[in-house]
Amino acid sequence: MELILKQDVENLGFKDDIVTVKNGYGRNFLIPHGQAVLATTSAKKVLAENLKQRAFKEKKIVEDANKVAEALKALEIKIASKVGTGDKLFGSVNNIDLADALQKEGHSIEKKFISVVGGSVKRLGKYEAVIRLHRNVAVDLPFEVVAEA
């Protein structure tokens, strides 16, 4: 089943992509939740026209995302967490904690666009996260988990 995505769908595609999915996934999940529409010939023509009109606007959005990426690369993020015996944390550090740390630095990034490499962090040390600012712009952000004083 061919669908046109109306919004970004994790592990499937970005808005306005034409994707092929199994019939049940499209019919029972994507279309009822308003995340996709059927890719008929007329819908594809409308999509092509919309993409043409939006191409020059997209260029400015990518430039802005690149500026934010450069600003993020310059940051040194340290997240303080409670520590038990050794270097094991009470709980874990995940994308929500990283989004809060970035918010304190003045960068408002939604948690769904942040993915910590390897899942959640459960020990002290240096780690990396990938932040997706645009479909074409993703930045690797190193961060460190330190013991709370």
Protein backbone atom coordinates (compact mmCIF):
# COMPACT_ATOMS: atom_id res chain seq x y z
CA MET A 1 0.00 0.00 0.00
CA GLU A 2 1.45 3.35 -1.04
CA LEU A 3 0.84 6.28 1.29
CA ILE A 4 1.82 9.94 1.50
CA LEU A 5 2.87 10.88 5.04
CA LYS A 6 1.18 13.97 6.49
CA GLN A 7 3.66 14.18 9.38
CA ASP A 8 6.95 12.63 10.51
CA VAL A 9 6.58 8.99 11.56
CA GLU A 10 9.37 7.38 13.59
CA ASN A 11 11.26 4.64 11.71
CA LEU A 12 9.14 5.16 8.58
CA GLY A 13 9.70 8.56 7.01
CA PHE A 14 9.26 12.30 7.07
CA LYS A 15 6.34 14.53 6.14
CA ASP A 16 5.44 14.42 2.42
CA ASP A 17 7.40 11.21 1.78
CA ILE A 18 5.76 8.52 -0.32
CA VAL A 19 6.19 5.22 1.52
CA THR A 20 5.10 1.63 0.97
CA VAL A 21 3.68 -0.14 4.04
CA LYS A 22 1.69 -3.27 4.70
CA ASN A 23 -2.04 -2.91 4.16
CA GLY A 24 -3.03 -3.42 7.81
CA TYR A 25 -0.55 -0.86 9.16
CA GLY A 26 -1.74 1.76 6.71
CA ARG A 27 -5.46 1.03 6.93
CA ASN A 28 -5.69 0.44 10.69
CA PHE A 29 -3.11 2.85 12.11
CA LEU A 30 -1.62 5.51 9.84
CA ILE A 31 -4.76 6.66 8.01
CA PRO A 32 -7.14 6.69 11.03
CA HIS A 33 -4.60 8.61 13.14
CA GLY A 34 -4.28 11.24 10.41
CA GLN A 35 -0.61 10.49 9.80
CA ALA A 36 -0.99 9.49 6.14
CA VAL A 37 -3.28 9.55 3.09
CA LEU A 38 -3.54 7.17 0.16
CA ALA A 39 -1.07 7.95 -2.64
CA THR A 40 -3.48 8.21 -5.54
CA THR A 41 -2.37 9.79 -8.83
CA SER A 42 -4.18 13.04 -8.06
CA ALA A 43 -2.71 13.17 -4.53
CA LYS A 44 0.78 12.67 -6.00
CA LYS A 45 0.25 15.57 -8.43
CA VAL A 46 -0.89 17.84 -5.60
CA LEU A 47 2.13 16.75 -3.54
CA ALA A 48 4.53 17.51 -6.41
CA GLU A 49 3.08 21.01 -6.81
CA ASN A 50 3.28 21.69 -3.07
CA LEU A 51 6.90 20.52 -2.95
CA LYS A 52 7.81 22.87 -5.83
CA GLN A 53 6.27 25.84 -4.02
CA ARG A 54 7.96 24.96 -0.75
CA ALA A 55 11.46 24.33 -2.13
CA PHE A 56 12.77 27.87 -1.63
CA LYS A 57 11.27 28.12 1.88
CA GLU A 58 12.98 24.83 2.74
CA LYS A 59 16.38 26.34 1.96
CA LYS A 60 16.02 28.96 4.72
CA ILE A 61 14.82 26.35 7.21
CA VAL A 62 17.89 24.19 6.50
CA GLU A 63 20.19 27.20 6.95
CA ASP A 64 18.59 27.96 10.33
CA ALA A 65 18.93 24.31 11.38
CA ASN A 66 22.63 24.40 10.43
CA LYS A 67 23.14 27.52 12.60
CA VAL A 68 21.52 25.76 15.57
CA ALA A 69 23.69 22.68 14.88
CA GLU A 70 26.87 24.78 15.04
CA ALA A 71 25.70 26.34 18.32
CA LEU A 72 24.98 22.89 19.78
CA LYS A 73 28.42 21.58 18.79
CA ALA A 74 30.02 24.34 20.87
CA LEU A 75 28.14 23.33 24.04
CA GLU A 76 29.55 21.23 26.85
CA ILE A 77 26.65 19.47 28.54
CA LYS A 78 27.13 18.00 32.01
CA ILE A 79 24.19 16.27 33.66
CA ALA A 80 24.40 15.77 37.43
CA SER A 81 22.80 12.63 38.80
CA LYS A 82 22.64 10.76 42.09
CA VAL A 83 25.18 7.96 42.29
CA GLY A 84 25.19 4.76 44.29
CA THR A 85 28.15 2.46 44.88
CA GLY A 86 30.83 2.74 42.23
CA ASP A 87 29.68 4.70 39.23
CA LYS A 88 26.15 3.31 39.00
CA LEU A 89 23.30 5.85 38.87
CA PHE A 90 20.07 5.84 40.80
CA GLY A 91 17.68 5.70 37.86
CA SER A 92 18.96 6.69 34.43
CA VAL A 93 19.67 9.62 32.14
CA ASN A 94 17.65 9.73 28.92
CA ASN A 95 16.46 12.10 26.20
CA ILE A 96 14.13 13.95 28.61
CA ASP A 97 17.05 14.88 30.91
CA LEU A 98 19.08 15.95 27.90
CA ALA A 99 16.21 18.13 26.62
CA ASP A 100 16.02 19.80 30.07
CA ALA A 101 19.79 20.43 30.06
CA LEU A 102 19.57 21.98 26.59
CA GLN A 103 16.63 24.11 27.74
CA LYS A 104 18.82 25.53 30.54
CA GLU A 105 21.44 26.41 27.90
CA GLY A 106 18.81 28.29 25.90
CA HIS A 107 18.05 25.75 23.16
CA SER A 108 14.46 24.53 23.07
CA ILE A 109 14.50 21.10 21.40
CA GLU A 110 11.68 18.59 21.76
CA LYS A 111 12.60 15.32 23.43
CA LYS A 112 11.31 13.24 20.51
CA PHE A 113 14.07 14.65 18.29
CA ILE A 114 16.82 13.56 20.72
CA SER A 115 18.06 9.99 20.80
CA VAL A 116 20.74 8.89 23.23
CA VAL A 117 23.13 6.44 21.58
CA GLY A 118 22.60 3.05 23.26
CA GLY A 119 19.32 4.01 24.95
CA SER A 120 19.29 5.31 28.51
CA VAL A 121 22.50 5.92 30.46
CA LYS A 122 22.95 4.10 33.77
CA ARG A 123 26.60 4.87 34.64
CA LEU A 124 28.83 7.92 34.99
CA GLY A 125 30.91 8.88 31.99
CA LYS A 126 30.90 10.48 28.57
CA TYR A 127 28.19 9.63 26.07
CA GLU A 128 26.73 10.84 22.80
CA ALA A 129 23.28 11.76 21.60
CA VAL A 130 21.97 12.43 18.11
CA ILE A 131 19.72 15.47 17.71
CA ARG A 132 17.62 15.66 14.55
CA LEU A 133 16.93 19.31 13.72
CA HIS A 134 15.64 18.73 10.18
CA ARG A 135 15.31 15.77 7.84
CA ASN A 136 18.70 16.70 6.34
CA VAL A 137 20.38 18.06 9.51
CA ALA A 138 21.35 15.89 12.45
CA VAL A 139 24.07 16.72 14.97
CA ASP A 140 26.05 14.47 17.33
CA LEU A 141 26.08 16.00 20.80
CA PRO A 142 28.60 14.69 23.33
CA PHE A 143 27.54 14.97 26.96
CA GLU A 144 28.87 13.84 30.31
CA VAL A 145 27.07 12.35 33.29
CA VAL A 146 28.68 13.47 36.55
CA ALA A 147 28.02 12.74 40.22
CA GLU A 148 25.74 15.15 42.06
CA ALA A 149 27.62 17.16 44.69
